[in-house]
Amino acid sequence: MNLSYITRPQVSLKEALKRLDQAASGILFVLDDNDRLIGALSDGDARRAILAGASLEKDIAGVFNKTPHTLQVENFDREVASRLFLERRIKVIPLIDHDGHLKDVLTWDVFFAAEDVPPAPAPVGKIDVPVVIMAGGKGTRLAPFTNVLPKPLIPIGEKTILELIVDEFHKYGVQTFHLTVNYRGEMIRAYMDGLDRDYDVAYAWEKDFCGTAGSLTLVREQIRGDLIVSNCDIIVKANYADVLQFHRENKAMLTVVSAIQHHAIPYGVIDFKPGGVVASIREKPEYTVNINTGVYVLSRECLDLIPEGEFFHMTHLIEALLAKGEKVMTYPVNENDYIDIGQWSEYHSAIDRMKRN
């Protein structure tokens, strides 16, 4: 049995988040001291706990689901297992004995390997909003590639960055994409218009570089409701139906999709008092933070706050909303659900991660 699926209730939420990143299924099975299955922890469970203010240092005892779907090994029935997979759209099912001990896990891919069934559960839910992809930047961090190609057309495996971003939204039913273009924009249009695709692409042309939000004024008249905005050098594997529902249920003006990141400092960190008196020393401490991924859900009213023809970043828009007392929310995803392709140090890592996904 793959031990990456297993955790204990005493484990901290921070440690569980790391293990969720390692588990391809996005779920952990929680065992007691006698190896009995007492629950399951999904990334959704962890997200709800974080948004509710749970400390990352606290254990997961009050966070995980106490009633996961299970099957018993003694009376295993393949038809029952198939129905559970297909009806519940889950990726993995724990197999327990009559005493509740976890004996194995059954994964979707292995179970359906020889059958004519989709290789993995399709996303649940569709979204009814357009997506704006900010594709106008020069991509100087990816030179020398971007001396020839615009950043959105840099290949990751068999597809370009831009196609991978579009695919991530298209599988949730998005049919309308707006690309704001500038640097080598004609190459982007020629490439996208040459694809055999079943979605619509419109182009908005920047005369000058307008920042990460300024070019949204170019699509303002075409937008009637909520929209999603994405940078063109990142891929975020979020459940976008859930993200949009989260935004609307919270009546937010803007929702930032954030990623939980764990950063270890490879040195001892000294805390000291005035005058240089050492108070403590922490050996290689680790910090967990939420970082901005560059994907946002915006209500239509946000676009009216963006000045025409000025350099304006998304951070400026968020500051303007907060100054007006408007609600800005964040929707956190796990570390491995965020792939940054915007610099060479991340490029080869991104290719490897996309292959694994």
Protein backbone atom coordinates (compact mmCIF):
# COMPACT_ATOMS: atom_id res chain seq x y z
CA MET A 1 0.00 0.00 0.00
CA ASN A 2 1.25 3.48 -0.88
CA LEU A 3 2.15 5.15 2.43
CA SER A 4 1.76 8.61 0.90
CA TYR A 5 -2.01 8.16 1.33
CA ILE A 6 -1.75 7.75 5.12
CA THR A 7 -1.65 10.24 7.97
CA ARG A 8 -2.51 10.44 11.68
CA PRO A 9 -4.87 12.77 13.57
CA GLN A 10 -1.93 14.19 15.56
CA VAL A 11 -0.28 15.55 12.40
CA SER A 12 -0.32 19.33 12.05
CA LEU A 13 -2.36 20.98 9.32
CA LYS A 14 0.88 22.32 7.84
CA GLU A 15 2.39 18.84 7.61
CA ALA A 16 -0.86 17.45 6.19
CA LEU A 17 -0.79 20.09 3.43
CA LYS A 18 2.67 18.89 2.42
CA ARG A 19 1.49 15.29 2.33
CA LEU A 20 -1.55 16.26 0.27
CA ASP A 21 0.83 17.74 -2.27
CA GLN A 22 2.64 14.40 -2.45
CA ALA A 23 -0.56 12.35 -2.80
CA ALA A 24 -1.59 12.46 -6.46
CA SER A 25 -5.23 11.83 -5.50
CA GLY A 26 -5.46 14.93 -3.30
CA ILE A 27 -6.68 12.94 -0.31
CA LEU A 28 -5.19 11.41 2.85
CA PHE A 29 -6.64 8.60 4.93
CA VAL A 30 -6.46 9.16 8.67
CA LEU A 31 -5.58 6.17 10.85
CA ASP A 32 -5.66 5.79 14.62
CA ASP A 33 -2.87 4.17 16.63
CA ASN A 34 -4.27 0.73 15.80
CA ASP A 35 -4.26 1.47 12.04
CA ARG A 36 -8.03 1.68 11.91
CA LEU A 37 -9.46 4.11 9.38
CA ILE A 38 -11.13 6.99 11.22
CA GLY A 39 -11.50 9.50 8.39
CA ALA A 40 -10.16 11.20 5.30
CA LEU A 41 -8.66 14.61 4.67
CA SER A 42 -9.06 16.28 1.27
CA ASP A 43 -7.59 19.53 0.03
CA GLY A 44 -11.11 20.96 0.30
CA ASP A 45 -11.24 20.03 4.00
CA ALA A 46 -7.88 21.73 4.54
CA ARG A 47 -8.98 24.84 2.61
CA ARG A 48 -12.14 25.24 4.66
CA ALA A 49 -10.13 24.95 7.87
CA ILE A 50 -7.63 27.58 6.74
CA LEU A 51 -10.36 29.99 5.67
CA ALA A 52 -12.07 29.45 9.03
CA GLY A 53 -8.88 30.63 10.74
CA ALA A 54 -7.42 27.30 11.84
CA SER A 55 -3.78 27.44 12.89
CA LEU A 56 -1.41 25.59 10.59
CA GLU A 57 0.41 24.33 13.67
CA LYS A 58 -2.72 22.70 15.11
CA ASP A 59 -3.47 19.03 14.49
CA ILE A 60 -6.06 17.88 11.98
CA ALA A 61 -8.26 16.09 14.52
CA GLY A 62 -11.11 18.55 14.06
CA VAL A 63 -10.60 19.05 10.32
CA PHE A 64 -10.90 15.71 8.52
CA ASN A 65 -14.08 14.00 7.31
CA LYS A 66 -15.14 11.32 9.79
CA THR A 67 -17.33 9.36 7.33
CA PRO A 68 -15.41 8.62 4.11
CA HIS A 69 -16.69 6.18 1.51
CA THR A 70 -15.14 2.73 2.03
CA LEU A 71 -15.31 -0.84 0.74
CA GLN A 72 -14.66 -4.04 2.71
CA VAL A 73 -12.05 -6.47 1.44
CA GLU A 74 -13.90 -9.55 2.76
CA ASN A 75 -16.93 -9.01 0.55
CA PHE A 76 -15.44 -6.93 -2.24
CA ASP A 77 -17.76 -6.57 -5.23
CA ARG A 78 -16.33 -5.09 -8.42
CA GLU A 79 -19.71 -3.83 -9.61
CA VAL A 80 -20.28 -2.00 -6.32
CA ALA A 81 -16.79 -0.47 -6.55
CA SER A 82 -17.39 0.66 -10.13
CA ARG A 83 -20.69 2.27 -9.17
CA LEU A 84 -19.06 4.08 -6.24
CA PHE A 85 -16.28 5.44 -8.46
CA LEU A 86 -18.63 6.59 -11.21
CA GLU A 87 -21.44 8.01 -9.09
CA ARG A 88 -19.26 9.77 -6.52
CA ARG A 89 -16.55 10.79 -9.03
CA ILE A 90 -13.80 10.01 -6.54
CA LYS A 91 -10.24 9.03 -7.44
CA VAL A 92 -9.44 6.59 -4.66
CA ILE A 93 -11.40 4.27 -2.35
CA PRO A 94 -9.98 2.83 0.91
CA LEU A 95 -10.34 -0.92 1.44
CA ILE A 96 -10.85 -1.95 5.06
CA ASP A 97 -11.36 -5.23 6.89
CA HIS A 98 -14.31 -6.00 9.17
CA ASP A 99 -12.48 -4.35 12.10
CA GLY A 100 -11.90 -1.14 10.19
CA HIS A 101 -8.17 -1.62 9.55
CA LEU A 102 -6.97 -0.04 6.31
CA LYS A 103 -5.71 -2.88 4.10
CA ASP A 104 -5.25 -1.17 0.74
CA VAL A 105 -6.40 1.69 -1.48
CA LEU A 106 -8.13 1.27 -4.82
CA THR A 107 -7.37 3.99 -7.38
CA TRP A 108 -9.46 5.00 -10.39
CA ASP A 109 -6.59 4.53 -12.86
CA VAL A 110 -5.76 1.00 -11.71
CA PHE A 111 -9.39 -0.10 -11.38
CA PHE A 112 -10.38 1.06 -14.88
CA ALA A 113 -7.04 0.34 -16.58
CA ALA A 114 -8.47 -2.28 -18.94
CA GLU A 115 -11.93 -0.75 -19.44
CA ASP A 116 -13.34 1.86 -21.80
CA VAL A 117 -13.90 4.46 -19.07
CA PRO A 118 -12.46 7.99 -18.74
CA PRO A 119 -8.98 7.80 -17.17
CA ALA A 120 -9.87 10.15 -14.31
CA PRO A 121 -12.95 11.89 -12.91
CA ALA A 122 -13.95 14.88 -14.99
CA PRO A 123 -14.30 18.24 -13.24
CA VAL A 124 -17.58 18.64 -11.43
CA GLY A 125 -19.50 21.74 -12.42
CA LYS A 126 -19.34 24.23 -15.26
CA ILE A 127 -18.68 27.96 -15.21
CA ASP A 128 -20.47 30.61 -17.21
CA VAL A 129 -17.92 33.42 -17.31
CA PRO A 130 -15.35 34.66 -19.82
CA VAL A 131 -11.63 34.37 -19.11
CA VAL A 132 -9.18 37.19 -19.84
CA ILE A 133 -5.56 36.11 -20.27
CA MET A 134 -2.95 38.85 -19.98
CA ALA A 135 -0.68 37.85 -22.86
CA GLY A 136 1.01 41.14 -23.72
CA GLY A 137 4.21 41.06 -21.66
CA LYS A 138 7.74 40.71 -23.06
CA GLY A 139 8.70 37.84 -20.79
CA THR A 140 12.20 39.14 -20.22
CA ARG A 141 12.83 36.55 -17.47
CA LEU A 142 12.61 33.84 -20.13
CA ALA A 143 15.13 35.35 -22.53
CA PRO A 144 16.61 34.29 -24.93
CA PHE A 145 13.46 32.29 -25.89
CA THR A 146 11.39 35.45 -25.69
CA ASN A 147 13.78 37.33 -27.97
CA VAL A 148 12.13 35.28 -30.72
CA LEU A 149 8.87 33.93 -29.30
CA PRO A 150 6.26 35.72 -27.21
CA LYS A 151 6.07 34.18 -23.75
CA PRO A 152 2.61 32.62 -24.25
CA LEU A 153 3.95 30.50 -27.13
CA ILE A 154 6.86 28.93 -25.27
CA PRO A 155 6.37 25.15 -25.38
CA ILE A 156 5.75 22.97 -22.35
CA GLY A 157 5.84 19.45 -23.70
CA GLU A 158 3.64 19.20 -26.78
CA LYS A 159 1.68 22.41 -26.17
CA THR A 160 2.36 26.07 -25.55
CA ILE A 161 1.92 27.75 -22.18
CA LEU A 162 -1.12 29.56 -23.55
CA GLU A 163 -2.83 26.36 -24.71
CA LEU A 164 -2.29 24.71 -21.33
CA ILE A 165 -3.84 27.70 -19.55
CA VAL A 166 -6.81 27.70 -21.92
CA ASP A 167 -7.25 23.93 -21.53
CA GLU A 168 -7.43 24.27 -17.75
CA PHE A 169 -10.41 26.63 -18.03
CA HIS A 170 -12.00 24.99 -21.07
CA LYS A 171 -12.53 21.71 -19.22
CA TYR A 172 -14.90 23.64 -16.94
CA GLY A 173 -16.93 24.73 -19.94
CA VAL A 174 -15.43 28.16 -20.64
CA GLN A 175 -16.18 29.10 -24.25
CA THR A 176 -15.02 32.73 -24.43
CA PHE A 177 -11.42 33.84 -24.05
CA HIS A 178 -10.09 37.39 -24.37
CA LEU A 179 -6.35 37.72 -24.94
CA THR A 180 -4.79 41.11 -24.22
CA VAL A 181 -1.77 41.24 -26.50
CA ASN A 182 1.13 43.56 -27.27
CA TYR A 183 4.62 42.09 -27.73
CA ARG A 184 4.59 39.86 -30.84
CA GLY A 185 0.82 39.78 -30.65
CA GLU A 186 0.42 38.91 -34.32
CA MET A 187 2.35 35.69 -33.73
CA ILE A 188 -0.01 34.81 -30.87
CA ARG A 189 -3.08 35.49 -33.01
CA ALA A 190 -1.70 33.53 -35.98
CA TYR A 191 -0.93 30.55 -33.75
CA MET A 192 -4.26 30.52 -31.91
CA ASP A 193 -6.28 31.05 -35.09
CA GLY A 194 -4.48 28.11 -36.67
CA LEU A 195 -5.61 25.69 -33.97
CA ASP A 196 -8.51 23.30 -34.41
CA ARG A 197 -10.52 24.56 -31.43
CA ASP A 198 -14.11 24.62 -30.20
CA TYR A 199 -13.99 27.87 -28.21
CA ASP A 200 -13.94 31.56 -29.12
CA VAL A 201 -10.88 33.79 -28.86
CA ALA A 202 -10.98 37.58 -29.11
CA TYR A 203 -7.94 39.87 -29.10
CA ALA A 204 -7.53 43.21 -27.34
CA TRP A 205 -4.49 45.20 -28.45
CA GLU A 206 -2.46 47.27 -26.01
CA LYS A 207 -0.82 50.35 -27.48
CA ASP A 208 1.48 50.53 -24.46
CA PHE A 209 2.28 48.12 -21.66
CA CYS A 210 -0.51 48.73 -19.17
CA GLY A 211 0.43 46.58 -16.17
CA THR A 212 -1.37 43.48 -14.91
CA ALA A 213 -4.79 45.17 -14.79
CA GLY A 214 -4.63 48.23 -17.06
CA SER A 215 -5.47 46.37 -20.27
CA LEU A 216 -8.78 45.19 -18.79
CA THR A 217 -10.22 48.53 -19.91
CA LEU A 218 -9.90 47.19 -23.47
CA VAL A 219 -12.46 44.46 -22.81
CA ARG A 220 -14.70 46.42 -20.45
CA GLU A 221 -17.51 46.87 -22.98
CA GLN A 222 -17.64 43.16 -23.81
CA ILE A 223 -18.01 42.01 -20.19
CA ARG A 224 -21.50 41.82 -18.69
CA GLY A 225 -20.93 39.95 -15.43
CA ASP A 226 -18.22 38.14 -13.49
CA LEU A 227 -14.96 37.30 -15.21
CA ILE A 228 -11.74 35.42 -14.53
CA VAL A 229 -8.35 37.02 -15.17
CA SER A 230 -5.15 35.01 -15.52
CA ASN A 231 -1.52 35.82 -16.10
CA CYS A 232 -0.01 33.94 -19.04
CA ASP A 233 3.00 32.40 -17.30
CA ILE A 234 1.25 30.36 -14.61
CA ILE A 235 -0.98 27.32 -14.48
CA VAL A 236 -3.30 26.86 -11.53
CA LYS A 237 -5.10 23.55 -11.20
CA ALA A 238 -8.05 24.74 -9.16
CA ASN A 239 -11.66 23.60 -9.28
CA TYR A 240 -12.85 26.74 -11.03
CA ALA A 241 -16.51 25.90 -10.57
CA ASP A 242 -15.84 25.88 -6.83
CA VAL A 243 -13.76 29.08 -7.04
CA LEU A 244 -16.57 30.93 -8.81
CA GLN A 245 -19.17 29.61 -6.37
CA PHE A 246 -16.94 30.71 -3.47
CA HIS A 247 -16.65 34.21 -4.98
CA ARG A 248 -20.41 34.55 -5.48
CA GLU A 249 -21.48 33.05 -2.16
CA ASN A 250 -19.21 35.49 -0.33
CA LYS A 251 -20.49 38.42 -2.43
CA ALA A 252 -16.88 39.39 -3.10
CA MET A 253 -15.86 42.11 -5.48
CA LEU A 254 -12.59 40.33 -6.20
CA THR A 255 -11.23 36.91 -5.26
CA VAL A 256 -7.52 36.15 -5.43
CA VAL A 257 -6.56 32.54 -6.06
CA SER A 258 -3.61 32.02 -3.74
CA ALA A 259 -1.19 29.11 -3.28
CA ILE A 260 0.07 27.76 0.02
CA GLN A 261 3.87 27.75 -0.07
CA HIS A 262 6.34 26.24 2.39
CA HIS A 263 9.72 27.95 2.59
CA ALA A 264 12.56 26.65 4.77
CA ILE A 265 15.39 29.01 5.70
CA PRO A 266 18.62 26.98 5.45
CA TYR A 267 20.26 28.79 8.38
CA GLY A 268 19.81 29.26 12.08
CA VAL A 269 17.71 32.38 12.68
CA ILE A 270 18.61 34.55 15.66
CA ASP A 271 16.03 36.55 17.57
CA PHE A 272 17.57 39.30 19.70
CA LYS A 273 16.57 42.15 22.00
CA PRO A 274 17.68 45.80 21.80
CA GLY A 275 21.41 46.03 22.31
CA GLY A 276 22.11 42.66 20.69
CA VAL A 277 21.10 40.36 23.54
CA VAL A 278 20.16 36.99 22.01
CA ALA A 279 16.67 35.87 23.01
CA SER A 280 16.55 32.62 21.02
CA ILE A 281 17.91 30.83 17.99
CA ARG A 282 15.79 28.74 15.66
CA GLU A 283 17.55 26.16 13.52
CA LYS A 284 16.39 26.21 9.88
CA PRO A 285 12.85 27.43 10.56
CA GLU A 286 10.11 26.92 8.02
CA TYR A 287 7.45 29.45 7.13
CA THR A 288 4.14 28.77 5.42
CA VAL A 289 2.61 31.63 3.45
CA ASN A 290 -0.12 32.24 0.90
CA ILE A 291 1.19 33.77 -2.30
CA ASN A 292 -0.69 35.46 -5.14
CA THR A 293 -0.88 33.08 -8.12
CA GLY A 294 -1.95 35.66 -10.68
CA VAL A 295 -5.46 34.24 -11.17
CA TYR A 296 -8.45 36.33 -10.06
CA VAL A 297 -12.24 36.31 -10.17
CA LEU A 298 -13.61 39.83 -10.67
CA SER A 299 -17.10 41.21 -10.42
CA ARG A 300 -17.96 43.47 -13.34
CA GLU A 301 -17.94 46.60 -11.13
CA CYS A 302 -14.18 46.21 -10.62
CA LEU A 303 -13.52 47.22 -14.21
CA ASP A 304 -14.97 50.68 -13.60
CA LEU A 305 -12.20 51.38 -11.06
CA ILE A 306 -9.41 50.87 -13.60
CA PRO A 307 -8.25 54.18 -15.12
CA GLU A 308 -8.22 54.47 -18.90
CA GLY A 309 -4.81 54.50 -20.57
CA GLU A 310 -2.75 54.30 -17.38
CA PHE A 311 -0.25 51.77 -16.10
CA PHE A 312 -2.25 49.89 -13.46
CA HIS A 313 -1.43 46.64 -11.68
CA MET A 314 -3.90 44.20 -10.13
CA THR A 315 -2.41 45.12 -6.74
CA HIS A 316 -3.48 48.72 -7.41
CA LEU A 317 -7.02 47.50 -8.07
CA ILE A 318 -7.06 45.47 -4.86
CA GLU A 319 -5.80 48.48 -2.88
CA ALA A 320 -8.53 50.64 -4.44
CA LEU A 321 -11.21 48.09 -3.50
CA LEU A 322 -9.96 47.82 0.07
CA ALA A 323 -9.87 51.62 0.39
CA LYS A 324 -13.56 51.69 -0.62
CA GLY A 325 -14.40 49.05 1.97
CA GLU A 326 -15.24 46.42 -0.65
CA LYS A 327 -14.85 42.72 0.07
CA VAL A 328 -11.75 41.01 -1.33
CA MET A 329 -11.45 37.27 -0.72
CA THR A 330 -8.79 34.63 -1.28
CA TYR A 331 -9.22 31.03 -2.35
CA PRO A 332 -6.12 28.98 -1.42
CA VAL A 333 -4.89 25.98 -3.39
CA ASN A 334 -2.10 23.54 -2.56
CA GLU A 335 1.52 24.20 -3.45
CA ASN A 336 1.65 21.64 -6.27
CA ASP A 337 -1.53 23.01 -7.85
CA TYR A 338 0.38 26.17 -8.78
CA ILE A 339 2.98 26.03 -11.55
CA ASP A 340 5.04 29.14 -12.31
CA ILE A 341 6.64 29.07 -15.76
CA GLY A 342 7.76 32.70 -15.79
CA GLN A 343 11.48 32.19 -15.17
CA TRP A 344 14.19 29.78 -16.23
CA SER A 345 14.73 28.41 -12.73
CA GLU A 346 11.16 27.09 -12.82
CA TYR A 347 10.91 26.12 -16.49
CA HIS A 348 12.33 22.57 -16.40
CA SER A 349 10.63 21.91 -13.06
CA ALA A 350 7.33 22.94 -14.66
CA ILE A 351 7.84 20.51 -17.53
CA ASP A 352 8.45 17.63 -15.11
CA ARG A 353 5.41 18.52 -13.02
CA MET A 354 3.15 18.78 -16.07
CA LYS A 355 4.26 15.29 -17.14
CA ARG A 356 3.36 13.92 -13.69
CA ASN A 357 -0.06 15.59 -13.84
